[in-house]
Amino acid sequence: MTVKKHLPHYMMVFPFMLLFAVFFLYPIASGLFYSFHDWNATTSTRFVGLGNYQRILASRDFEKAMWNLGKYIAITVPLGISVAFGLALLVNSFKGFWSNIFRSAFFLPVVLPAFLAATVWRWIYTPNFGLLNMILGWFGMGSINFLNDTGTMLYAAIAVDVWVSAGFNMVIILAGLKNIPKDYYEAARLDGASRLQQVRYITIPMLYPVLFFVTTYGFISALQVFDVPWLLTGSSFASYGGRQGALLFPVMDMMGRGFGSLRFGQAAAYGFILTAIIMLFTAAMFALRRKGYDR
């Protein structure tokens, strides 16, 4: 009787549940299955147990990719949030027309297609006649091959990532700034607080939930970095990661194993390893947040 009574409600959610099962649950289940098998998409699967996971964890490419990822995260997340925070403060200081102009200008890189952003920056980084090397030439400095020099490739990719992502984080932080009551700042000015003291003791504490969100999102996005280094180095499934693997990252390595070497079992195992790392990072972020609230 209860089922018959609520049947119309079940029928309303059935299309979503069907699509959720087909396009979300089934891929996860099949990926988990293939991660324990050796499969190249042309022959039958062969059970290898934890062999795929062991091969990945023991490979030099995985070690190189994780090392690059660690440096990438350590720089791009704090730098990107700092730039976004500064831009949000700048835009918030303007009103009306100019506020809309600056907000739109800084948000523009977010809506650009990845290939177009990479094309623009490949031109900027071009040796000899690229924009950045032209500017360096004005100061008497020699030409630098930013996308082929292993000492500069990672930092070149970080600059592009910060340029692309700062606008999104700026809009989120700007929304948080708009929700801070102006009375707090007026009271602080009456007490003689400087602009820097207002930011330190009012803006940052009041933005803690927003800053936590953009930091967590930044970590998760950085752990999945793929498109920017792939496009900057002109990678393909046969050759990727740039010179000496200076821009090799886990997702790139996973794609190469799957579609380049047809080792789909290893690619599936790689995906679950990366998922576990993302979940651990996210859990650690929430644990730190709860610890901060307890204090």
C-alpha atoms as a PDB file:
ATOM      1  CA  MET A   1       0.000   0.000   0.000  1.00  0.00           C
ATOM      2  CA  THR A   2       2.822   2.359   0.896  1.00  0.00           C
ATOM      3  CA  VAL A   3       4.682   1.571  -2.318  1.00  0.00           C
ATOM      4  CA  LYS A   4       1.562   2.133  -4.389  1.00  0.00           C
ATOM      5  CA  LYS A   5       0.923   5.429  -2.590  1.00  0.00           C
ATOM      6  CA  HIS A   6       4.405   6.762  -3.310  1.00  0.00           C
ATOM      7  CA  LEU A   7       4.745   5.204  -6.787  1.00  0.00           C
ATOM      8  CA  PRO A   8       4.335   8.579  -8.577  1.00  0.00           C
ATOM      9  CA  HIS A   9       7.203   9.986  -6.510  1.00  0.00           C
ATOM     10  CA  TYR A  10       9.416   7.006  -7.318  1.00  0.00           C
ATOM     11  CA  MET A  11       8.606   7.386 -11.002  1.00  0.00           C
ATOM     12  CA  MET A  12       9.656  11.047 -10.861  1.00  0.00           C
ATOM     13  CA  VAL A  13      13.125  10.225  -9.541  1.00  0.00           C
ATOM     14  CA  PHE A  14      13.517   7.052 -11.617  1.00  0.00           C
ATOM     15  CA  PRO A  15      14.995   8.801 -14.724  1.00  0.00           C
ATOM     16  CA  PHE A  16      17.669  10.453 -12.591  1.00  0.00           C
ATOM     17  CA  MET A  17      18.474   7.231 -10.725  1.00  0.00           C
ATOM     18  CA  LEU A  18      18.718   5.355 -14.033  1.00  0.00           C
ATOM     19  CA  LEU A  19      21.091   7.879 -15.552  1.00  0.00           C
ATOM     20  CA  PHE A  20      23.068   8.040 -12.281  1.00  0.00           C
ATOM     21  CA  ALA A  21      23.487   4.268 -12.290  1.00  0.00           C
ATOM     22  CA  VAL A  22      24.421   4.054 -15.986  1.00  0.00           C
ATOM     23  CA  PHE A  23      26.813   7.010 -16.205  1.00  0.00           C
ATOM     24  CA  PHE A  24      28.226   7.093 -12.657  1.00  0.00           C
ATOM     25  CA  LEU A  25      27.862   3.861 -10.682  1.00  0.00           C
ATOM     26  CA  TYR A  26      28.495   1.485 -13.588  1.00  0.00           C
ATOM     27  CA  PRO A  27      31.730   3.214 -14.736  1.00  0.00           C
ATOM     28  CA  ILE A  28      33.055   3.134 -11.174  1.00  0.00           C
ATOM     29  CA  ALA A  29      32.199  -0.552 -10.766  1.00  0.00           C
ATOM     30  CA  SER A  30      33.659  -1.496 -14.152  1.00  0.00           C
ATOM     31  CA  GLY A  31      36.772   0.577 -13.476  1.00  0.00           C
ATOM     32  CA  LEU A  32      37.276  -1.208 -10.173  1.00  0.00           C
ATOM     33  CA  PHE A  33      36.862  -4.545 -11.942  1.00  0.00           C
ATOM     34  CA  TYR A  34      39.416  -3.704 -14.650  1.00  0.00           C
ATOM     35  CA  SER A  35      41.899  -2.362 -12.084  1.00  0.00           C
ATOM     36  CA  PHE A  36      42.417  -5.963 -10.932  1.00  0.00           C
ATOM     37  CA  HIS A  37      42.794  -7.286 -14.475  1.00  0.00           C
ATOM     38  CA  ASP A  38      45.206  -7.030 -17.368  1.00  0.00           C
ATOM     39  CA  TRP A  39      43.202  -5.767 -20.356  1.00  0.00           C
ATOM     40  CA  ASN A  40      44.123  -4.036 -23.615  1.00  0.00           C
ATOM     41  CA  ALA A  41      40.559  -3.694 -25.012  1.00  0.00           C
ATOM     42  CA  THR A  42      41.240  -6.262 -27.745  1.00  0.00           C
ATOM     43  CA  THR A  43      41.722  -9.491 -25.783  1.00  0.00           C
ATOM     44  CA  SER A  44      39.908 -11.041 -22.854  1.00  0.00           C
ATOM     45  CA  THR A  45      40.687  -9.862 -19.341  1.00  0.00           C
ATOM     46  CA  ARG A  46      43.260 -11.660 -17.199  1.00  0.00           C
ATOM     47  CA  PHE A  47      43.052 -11.417 -13.406  1.00  0.00           C
ATOM     48  CA  VAL A  48      46.269 -10.031 -11.873  1.00  0.00           C
ATOM     49  CA  GLY A  49      45.051  -9.103  -8.394  1.00  0.00           C
ATOM     50  CA  LEU A  50      46.990  -6.134  -7.018  1.00  0.00           C
ATOM     51  CA  GLY A  51      49.584  -6.410  -9.780  1.00  0.00           C
ATOM     52  CA  ASN A  52      48.473  -3.246 -11.557  1.00  0.00           C
ATOM     53  CA  TYR A  53      48.653  -1.224  -8.340  1.00  0.00           C
ATOM     54  CA  GLN A  54      52.106  -2.616  -7.546  1.00  0.00           C
ATOM     55  CA  ARG A  55      53.451  -1.830 -11.022  1.00  0.00           C
ATOM     56  CA  ILE A  56      52.201   1.745 -10.838  1.00  0.00           C
ATOM     57  CA  LEU A  57      53.547   2.432  -7.359  1.00  0.00           C
ATOM     58  CA  ALA A  58      56.929   0.972  -8.306  1.00  0.00           C
ATOM     59  CA  SER A  59      57.261   2.787 -11.655  1.00  0.00           C
ATOM     60  CA  ARG A  60      59.595   5.731 -12.190  1.00  0.00           C
ATOM     61  CA  ASP A  61      56.923   7.618 -14.117  1.00  0.00           C
ATOM     62  CA  PHE A  62      54.611   7.511 -11.089  1.00  0.00           C
ATOM     63  CA  GLU A  63      57.410   8.758  -8.840  1.00  0.00           C
ATOM     64  CA  LYS A  64      58.228  11.572 -11.270  1.00  0.00           C
ATOM     65  CA  ALA A  65      54.564  12.508 -11.713  1.00  0.00           C
ATOM     66  CA  MET A  66      53.945  12.650  -7.955  1.00  0.00           C
ATOM     67  CA  TRP A  67      57.092  14.713  -7.398  1.00  0.00           C
ATOM     68  CA  ASN A  68      55.988  17.206 -10.049  1.00  0.00           C
ATOM     69  CA  LEU A  69      52.487  17.244  -8.569  1.00  0.00           C
ATOM     70  CA  GLY A  70      53.802  17.939  -5.073  1.00  0.00           C
ATOM     71  CA  LYS A  71      55.804  20.952  -6.254  1.00  0.00           C
ATOM     72  CA  TYR A  72      52.922  22.117  -8.402  1.00  0.00           C
ATOM     73  CA  ILE A  73      50.451  22.043  -5.509  1.00  0.00           C
ATOM     74  CA  ALA A  74      52.878  23.642  -3.051  1.00  0.00           C
ATOM     75  CA  ILE A  75      53.205  26.676  -5.323  1.00  0.00           C
ATOM     76  CA  THR A  76      50.020  27.034  -7.337  1.00  0.00           C
ATOM     77  CA  VAL A  77      47.459  26.690  -4.517  1.00  0.00           C
ATOM     78  CA  PRO A  78      48.793  29.377  -2.126  1.00  0.00           C
ATOM     79  CA  LEU A  79      49.886  31.617  -5.001  1.00  0.00           C
ATOM     80  CA  GLY A  80      46.570  31.289  -6.831  1.00  0.00           C
ATOM     81  CA  ILE A  81      44.503  32.039  -3.723  1.00  0.00           C
ATOM     82  CA  SER A  82      46.733  34.984  -2.796  1.00  0.00           C
ATOM     83  CA  VAL A  83      46.359  36.469  -6.281  1.00  0.00           C
ATOM     84  CA  ALA A  84      42.591  35.890  -6.232  1.00  0.00           C
ATOM     85  CA  PHE A  85      42.316  37.469  -2.776  1.00  0.00           C
ATOM     86  CA  GLY A  86      44.267  40.531  -3.916  1.00  0.00           C
ATOM     87  CA  LEU A  87      42.123  40.874  -7.052  1.00  0.00           C
ATOM     88  CA  ALA A  88      38.937  40.557  -4.985  1.00  0.00           C
ATOM     89  CA  LEU A  89      40.094  43.348  -2.663  1.00  0.00           C
ATOM     90  CA  LEU A  90      40.962  45.485  -5.690  1.00  0.00           C
ATOM     91  CA  VAL A  91      37.619  44.941  -7.435  1.00  0.00           C
ATOM     92  CA  ASN A  92      35.745  45.463  -4.167  1.00  0.00           C
ATOM     93  CA  SER A  93      37.349  48.892  -3.804  1.00  0.00           C
ATOM     94  CA  PHE A  94      35.608  50.053  -6.988  1.00  0.00           C
ATOM     95  CA  LYS A  95      31.916  50.736  -7.372  1.00  0.00           C
ATOM     96  CA  GLY A  96      29.403  50.541 -10.192  1.00  0.00           C
ATOM     97  CA  PHE A  97      30.708  50.602 -13.759  1.00  0.00           C
ATOM     98  CA  TRP A  98      34.405  50.128 -13.006  1.00  0.00           C
ATOM     99  CA  SER A  99      33.711  47.275 -10.609  1.00  0.00           C
ATOM    100  CA  ASN A 100      31.843  45.424 -13.373  1.00  0.00           C
ATOM    101  CA  ILE A 101      34.614  46.146 -15.903  1.00  0.00           C
ATOM    102  CA  PHE A 102      37.401  44.805 -13.690  1.00  0.00           C
ATOM    103  CA  ARG A 103      35.348  41.813 -12.553  1.00  0.00           C
ATOM    104  CA  SER A 104      34.605  40.848 -16.150  1.00  0.00           C
ATOM    105  CA  ALA A 105      38.212  41.373 -17.246  1.00  0.00           C
ATOM    106  CA  PHE A 106      39.665  39.216 -14.485  1.00  0.00           C
ATOM    107  CA  PHE A 107      37.034  36.510 -14.997  1.00  0.00           C
ATOM    108  CA  LEU A 108      37.582  36.311 -18.769  1.00  0.00           C
ATOM    109  CA  PRO A 109      40.391  33.678 -18.617  1.00  0.00           C
ATOM    110  CA  VAL A 110      38.024  31.314 -16.771  1.00  0.00           C
ATOM    111  CA  VAL A 111      35.606  31.108 -19.706  1.00  0.00           C
ATOM    112  CA  LEU A 112      38.295  30.800 -22.381  1.00  0.00           C
ATOM    113  CA  PRO A 113      38.636  27.279 -23.856  1.00  0.00           C
ATOM    114  CA  ALA A 114      41.723  25.512 -22.514  1.00  0.00           C
ATOM    115  CA  PHE A 115      43.264  25.115 -25.967  1.00  0.00           C
ATOM    116  CA  LEU A 116      42.899  28.850 -26.644  1.00  0.00           C
ATOM    117  CA  ALA A 117      44.480  29.805 -23.312  1.00  0.00           C
ATOM    118  CA  ALA A 118      47.348  27.392 -23.987  1.00  0.00           C
ATOM    119  CA  THR A 119      47.815  28.796 -27.502  1.00  0.00           C
ATOM    120  CA  VAL A 120      48.049  32.349 -26.153  1.00  0.00           C
ATOM    121  CA  TRP A 121      50.613  31.349 -23.542  1.00  0.00           C
ATOM    122  CA  ARG A 122      52.644  29.242 -25.992  1.00  0.00           C
ATOM    123  CA  TRP A 123      53.005  32.426 -28.044  1.00  0.00           C
ATOM    124  CA  ILE A 124      53.949  34.422 -24.942  1.00  0.00           C
ATOM    125  CA  TYR A 125      56.595  31.813 -24.060  1.00  0.00           C
ATOM    126  CA  THR A 126      57.975  31.471 -27.617  1.00  0.00           C
ATOM    127  CA  PRO A 127      61.785  31.909 -27.699  1.00  0.00           C
ATOM    128  CA  ASN A 128      63.242  35.051 -29.287  1.00  0.00           C
ATOM    129  CA  PHE A 129      60.033  36.737 -30.524  1.00  0.00           C
ATOM    130  CA  GLY A 130      57.535  35.739 -27.811  1.00  0.00           C
ATOM    131  CA  LEU A 131      56.084  38.564 -25.716  1.00  0.00           C
ATOM    132  CA  LEU A 132      57.844  37.518 -22.495  1.00  0.00           C
ATOM    133  CA  ASN A 133      61.221  37.105 -24.190  1.00  0.00           C
ATOM    134  CA  MET A 134      60.776  40.477 -25.922  1.00  0.00           C
ATOM    135  CA  ILE A 135      60.271  42.100 -22.520  1.00  0.00           C
ATOM    136  CA  LEU A 136      63.310  40.288 -21.127  1.00  0.00           C
ATOM    137  CA  GLY A 137      65.296  41.506 -24.149  1.00  0.00           C
ATOM    138  CA  TRP A 138      64.491  45.117 -23.250  1.00  0.00           C
ATOM    139  CA  PHE A 139      66.385  44.551 -19.998  1.00  0.00           C
ATOM    140  CA  GLY A 140      69.344  42.974 -21.743  1.00  0.00           C
ATOM    141  CA  MET A 141      68.471  39.386 -20.826  1.00  0.00           C
ATOM    142  CA  GLY A 142      68.878  36.468 -23.212  1.00  0.00           C
ATOM    143  CA  SER A 143      66.067  34.423 -24.699  1.00  0.00           C
ATOM    144  CA  ILE A 144      64.651  31.610 -22.547  1.00  0.00           C
ATOM    145  CA  ASN A 145      62.888  28.546 -23.921  1.00  0.00           C
ATOM    146  CA  PHE A 146      60.319  28.349 -21.129  1.00  0.00           C
ATOM    147  CA  LEU A 147      58.556  25.244 -22.457  1.00  0.00           C
ATOM    148  CA  ASN A 148      61.688  23.229 -23.224  1.00  0.00           C
ATOM    149  CA  ASP A 149      63.972  24.127 -20.331  1.00  0.00           C
ATOM    150  CA  THR A 150      63.444  21.666 -17.466  1.00  0.00           C
ATOM    151  CA  GLY A 151      64.247  24.424 -14.978  1.00  0.00           C
ATOM    152  CA  THR A 152      61.403  26.672 -16.126  1.00  0.00           C
ATOM    153  CA  MET A 153      58.731  24.348 -17.535  1.00  0.00           C
ATOM    154  CA  LEU A 154      56.934  23.716 -14.240  1.00  0.00           C
ATOM    155  CA  TYR A 155      56.851  27.395 -13.309  1.00  0.00           C
ATOM    156  CA  ALA A 156      55.577  28.283 -16.773  1.00  0.00           C
ATOM    157  CA  ALA A 157      52.656  25.877 -16.297  1.00  0.00           C
ATOM    158  CA  ILE A 158      51.981  27.283 -12.817  1.00  0.00           C
ATOM    159  CA  ALA A 159      51.769  30.817 -14.225  1.00  0.00           C
ATOM    160  CA  VAL A 160      49.165  29.707 -16.773  1.00  0.00           C
ATOM    161  CA  ASP A 161      47.140  27.844 -14.139  1.00  0.00           C
ATOM    162  CA  VAL A 162      47.102  30.847 -11.806  1.00  0.00           C
ATOM    163  CA  TRP A 163      46.091  33.115 -14.704  1.00  0.00           C
ATOM    164  CA  VAL A 164      43.202  30.799 -15.627  1.00  0.00           C
ATOM    165  CA  SER A 165      41.915  29.976 -12.118  1.00  0.00           C
ATOM    166  CA  ALA A 166      42.382  33.285 -10.296  1.00  0.00           C
ATOM    167  CA  GLY A 167      39.251  34.797 -11.833  1.00  0.00           C
ATOM    168  CA  PHE A 168      36.979  32.023 -10.553  1.00  0.00           C
ATOM    169  CA  ASN A 169      38.373  32.219  -7.021  1.00  0.00           C
ATOM    170  CA  MET A 170      38.184  36.016  -7.173  1.00  0.00           C
ATOM    171  CA  VAL A 171      34.427  35.916  -7.846  1.00  0.00           C
ATOM    172  CA  ILE A 172      33.865  33.532  -4.915  1.00  0.00           C
ATOM    173  CA  ILE A 173      35.951  35.659  -2.543  1.00  0.00           C
ATOM    174  CA  LEU A 174      34.318  38.835  -3.829  1.00  0.00           C
ATOM    175  CA  ALA A 175      30.894  37.413  -2.979  1.00  0.00           C
ATOM    176  CA  GLY A 176      32.160  36.757   0.536  1.00  0.00           C
ATOM    177  CA  LEU A 177      33.481  40.310   0.822  1.00  0.00           C
ATOM    178  CA  LYS A 178      30.075  41.703  -0.115  1.00  0.00           C
ATOM    179  CA  ASN A 179      28.520  39.828   2.823  1.00  0.00           C
ATOM    180  CA  ILE A 180      30.790  41.360   5.464  1.00  0.00           C
ATOM    181  CA  PRO A 181      28.860  44.129   7.302  1.00  0.00           C
ATOM    182  CA  LYS A 182      30.355  47.576   6.686  1.00  0.00           C
ATOM    183  CA  ASP A 183      29.763  48.452  10.328  1.00  0.00           C
ATOM    184  CA  TYR A 184      32.797  46.364  11.278  1.00  0.00           C
ATOM    185  CA  TYR A 185      35.084  48.441   9.087  1.00  0.00           C
ATOM    186  CA  GLU A 186      33.581  51.732  10.274  1.00  0.00           C
ATOM    187  CA  ALA A 187      34.131  50.746  13.894  1.00  0.00           C
ATOM    188  CA  ALA A 188      37.715  49.706  13.103  1.00  0.00           C
ATOM    189  CA  ARG A 189      38.431  53.030  11.384  1.00  0.00           C
ATOM    190  CA  LEU A 190      37.084  54.910  14.383  1.00  0.00           C
ATOM    191  CA  ASP A 191      39.472  52.922  16.560  1.00  0.00           C
ATOM    192  CA  GLY A 192      42.360  53.954  14.328  1.00  0.00           C
ATOM    193  CA  ALA A 193      42.890  50.613  12.552  1.00  0.00           C
ATOM    194  CA  SER A 194      44.885  50.791   9.327  1.00  0.00           C
ATOM    195  CA  ARG A 195      43.744  49.220   6.088  1.00  0.00           C
ATOM    196  CA  LEU A 196      46.130  46.305   6.604  1.00  0.00           C
ATOM    197  CA  GLN A 197      44.845  45.740  10.152  1.00  0.00           C
ATOM    198  CA  GLN A 198      41.260  45.738   8.873  1.00  0.00           C
ATOM    199  CA  VAL A 199      42.136  43.051   6.346  1.00  0.00           C
ATOM    200  CA  ARG A 200      43.993  40.984   8.951  1.00  0.00           C
ATOM    201  CA  TYR A 201      41.527  41.193  11.827  1.00  0.00           C
ATOM    202  CA  ILE A 202      38.182  41.599  10.013  1.00  0.00           C
ATOM    203  CA  THR A 203      38.328  40.500   6.368  1.00  0.00           C
ATOM    204  CA  ILE A 204      40.305  37.264   6.704  1.00  0.00           C
ATOM    205  CA  PRO A 205      38.474  35.907   9.800  1.00  0.00           C
ATOM    206  CA  MET A 206      35.081  36.748   8.284  1.00  0.00           C
ATOM    207  CA  LEU A 207      36.080  35.053   5.022  1.00  0.00           C
ATOM    208  CA  TYR A 208      37.268  31.854   6.694  1.00  0.00           C
ATOM    209  CA  PRO A 209      34.460  29.627   5.261  1.00  0.00           C
ATOM    210  CA  VAL A 210      34.975  31.098   1.773  1.00  0.00           C
ATOM    211  CA  LEU A 211      38.757  30.761   1.945  1.00  0.00           C
ATOM    212  CA  PHE A 212      38.345  27.171   3.127  1.00  0.00           C
ATOM    213  CA  PHE A 213      36.160  26.420   0.111  1.00  0.00           C
ATOM    214  CA  VAL A 214      38.517  27.942  -2.461  1.00  0.00           C
ATOM    215  CA  THR A 215      41.525  26.278  -0.800  1.00  0.00           C
ATOM    216  CA  THR A 216      39.879  22.845  -0.805  1.00  0.00           C
ATOM    217  CA  TYR A 217      38.672  23.314  -4.378  1.00  0.00           C
ATOM    218  CA  GLY A 218      42.152  24.481  -5.373  1.00  0.00           C
ATOM    219  CA  PHE A 219      43.748  21.366  -3.885  1.00  0.00           C
ATOM    220  CA  ILE A 220      41.289  19.040  -5.619  1.00  0.00           C
ATOM    221  CA  SER A 221      41.706  20.837  -8.962  1.00  0.00           C
ATOM    222  CA  ALA A 222      45.506  20.837  -8.699  1.00  0.00           C
ATOM    223  CA  LEU A 223      45.552  17.104  -7.956  1.00  0.00           C
ATOM    224  CA  GLN A 224      43.731  16.540 -11.260  1.00  0.00           C
ATOM    225  CA  VAL A 225      45.839  18.901 -13.385  1.00  0.00           C
ATOM    226  CA  PHE A 226      46.016  17.713 -16.971  1.00  0.00           C
ATOM    227  CA  ASP A 227      44.909  20.035 -19.759  1.00  0.00           C
ATOM    228  CA  VAL A 228      47.317  22.973 -19.263  1.00  0.00           C
ATOM    229  CA  PRO A 229      50.618  20.992 -19.204  1.00  0.00           C
ATOM    230  CA  TRP A 230      49.314  18.634 -21.896  1.00  0.00           C
ATOM    231  CA  LEU A 231      48.557  21.512 -24.275  1.00  0.00           C
ATOM    232  CA  LEU A 232      51.625  23.583 -23.415  1.00  0.00           C
ATOM    233  CA  THR A 233      53.955  20.708 -24.276  1.00  0.00           C
ATOM    234  CA  GLY A 234      52.002  19.633 -27.369  1.00  0.00           C
ATOM    235  CA  SER A 235      51.683  16.154 -25.887  1.00  0.00           C
ATOM    236  CA  SER A 236      50.131  13.115 -27.520  1.00  0.00           C
ATOM    237  CA  PHE A 237      49.380   9.633 -26.230  1.00  0.00           C
ATOM    238  CA  ALA A 238      52.656   8.480 -27.782  1.00  0.00           C
ATOM    239  CA  SER A 239      54.772  11.223 -26.190  1.00  0.00           C
ATOM    240  CA  TYR A 240      53.711  13.311 -23.220  1.00  0.00           C
ATOM    241  CA  GLY A 241      55.113  15.132 -20.209  1.00  0.00           C
ATOM    242  CA  GLY A 242      57.553  17.361 -22.055  1.00  0.00           C
ATOM    243  CA  ARG A 243      61.327  17.183 -21.938  1.00  0.00           C
ATOM    244  CA  GLN A 244      62.590  14.660 -19.358  1.00  0.00           C
ATOM    245  CA  GLY A 245      59.058  14.426 -17.955  1.00  0.00           C
ATOM    246  CA  ALA A 246      59.311  17.902 -16.413  1.00  0.00           C
ATOM    247  CA  LEU A 247      55.567  18.380 -16.902  1.00  0.00           C
ATOM    248  CA  LEU A 248      54.466  14.804 -16.271  1.00  0.00           C
ATOM    249  CA  PHE A 249      51.470  14.600 -13.923  1.00  0.00           C
ATOM    250  CA  PRO A 250      49.392  11.658 -12.645  1.00  0.00           C
ATOM    251  CA  VAL A 251      46.324  12.181 -14.855  1.00  0.00           C
ATOM    252  CA  MET A 252      48.590  12.576 -17.874  1.00  0.00           C
ATOM    253  CA  ASP A 253      50.423   9.367 -16.976  1.00  0.00           C
ATOM    254  CA  MET A 254      47.112   7.582 -16.482  1.00  0.00           C
ATOM    255  CA  MET A 255      45.837   8.670 -19.906  1.00  0.00           C
ATOM    256  CA  GLY A 256      49.090   7.636 -21.537  1.00  0.00           C
ATOM    257  CA  ARG A 257      48.986   4.166 -20.002  1.00  0.00           C
ATOM    258  CA  GLY A 258      45.398   3.671 -21.106  1.00  0.00           C
ATOM    259  CA  PHE A 259      45.146   5.181 -24.585  1.00  0.00           C
ATOM    260  CA  GLY A 260      48.834   5.248 -25.457  1.00  0.00           C
ATOM    261  CA  SER A 261      49.996   1.808 -24.303  1.00  0.00           C
ATOM    262  CA  LEU A 262      46.555   0.135 -24.170  1.00  0.00           C
ATOM    263  CA  ARG A 263      47.135  -0.873 -20.558  1.00  0.00           C
ATOM    264  CA  PHE A 264      43.614  -0.079 -19.439  1.00  0.00           C
ATOM    265  CA  GLY A 265      43.894  -2.186 -16.292  1.00  0.00           C
ATOM    266  CA  GLN A 266      46.809  -0.076 -15.090  1.00  0.00           C
ATOM    267  CA  ALA A 267      44.988   3.107 -16.096  1.00  0.00           C
ATOM    268  CA  ALA A 268      41.963   2.064 -14.021  1.00  0.00           C
ATOM    269  CA  ALA A 269      44.183   1.255 -11.037  1.00  0.00           C
ATOM    270  CA  TYR A 270      45.918   4.620 -11.486  1.00  0.00           C
ATOM    271  CA  GLY A 271      42.545   6.345 -11.340  1.00  0.00           C
ATOM    272  CA  PHE A 272      41.645   4.689  -8.037  1.00  0.00           C
ATOM    273  CA  ILE A 273      45.049   5.546  -6.563  1.00  0.00           C
ATOM    274  CA  LEU A 274      44.523   9.184  -7.523  1.00  0.00           C
ATOM    275  CA  THR A 275      40.972   9.077  -6.141  1.00  0.00           C
ATOM    276  CA  ALA A 276      42.300   7.769  -2.814  1.00  0.00           C
ATOM    277  CA  ILE A 277      44.867  10.585  -2.688  1.00  0.00           C
ATOM    278  CA  ILE A 278      42.176  13.196  -3.388  1.00  0.00           C
ATOM    279  CA  MET A 279      39.930  11.738  -0.679  1.00  0.00           C
ATOM    280  CA  LEU A 280      42.801  11.768   1.837  1.00  0.00           C
ATOM    281  CA  PHE A 281      43.614  15.398   1.027  1.00  0.00           C
ATOM    282  CA  THR A 282      39.967  16.396   1.321  1.00  0.00           C
ATOM    283  CA  ALA A 283      39.544  14.530   4.617  1.00  0.00           C
ATOM    284  CA  ALA A 284      42.682  16.210   5.970  1.00  0.00           C
ATOM    285  CA  MET A 285      41.350  19.642   4.983  1.00  0.00           C
ATOM    286  CA  PHE A 286      38.049  19.044   6.781  1.00  0.00           C
ATOM    287  CA  ALA A 287      39.873  17.650   9.811  1.00  0.00           C
ATOM    288  CA  LEU A 288      41.987  20.805  10.006  1.00  0.00           C
ATOM    289  CA  ARG A 289      38.839  22.910   9.701  1.00  0.00           C
ATOM    290  CA  ARG A 290      37.141  21.075  12.580  1.00  0.00           C
ATOM    291  CA  LYS A 291      40.292  21.437  14.658  1.00  0.00           C
ATOM    292  CA  GLY A 292      40.249  25.181  13.970  1.00  0.00           C
ATOM    293  CA  TYR A 293      36.628  25.422  15.082  1.00  0.00           C
ATOM    294  CA  ASP A 294      37.379  23.466  18.263  1.00  0.00           C
ATOM    295  CA  ARG A 295      39.959  26.048  19.218  1.00  0.00           C
END
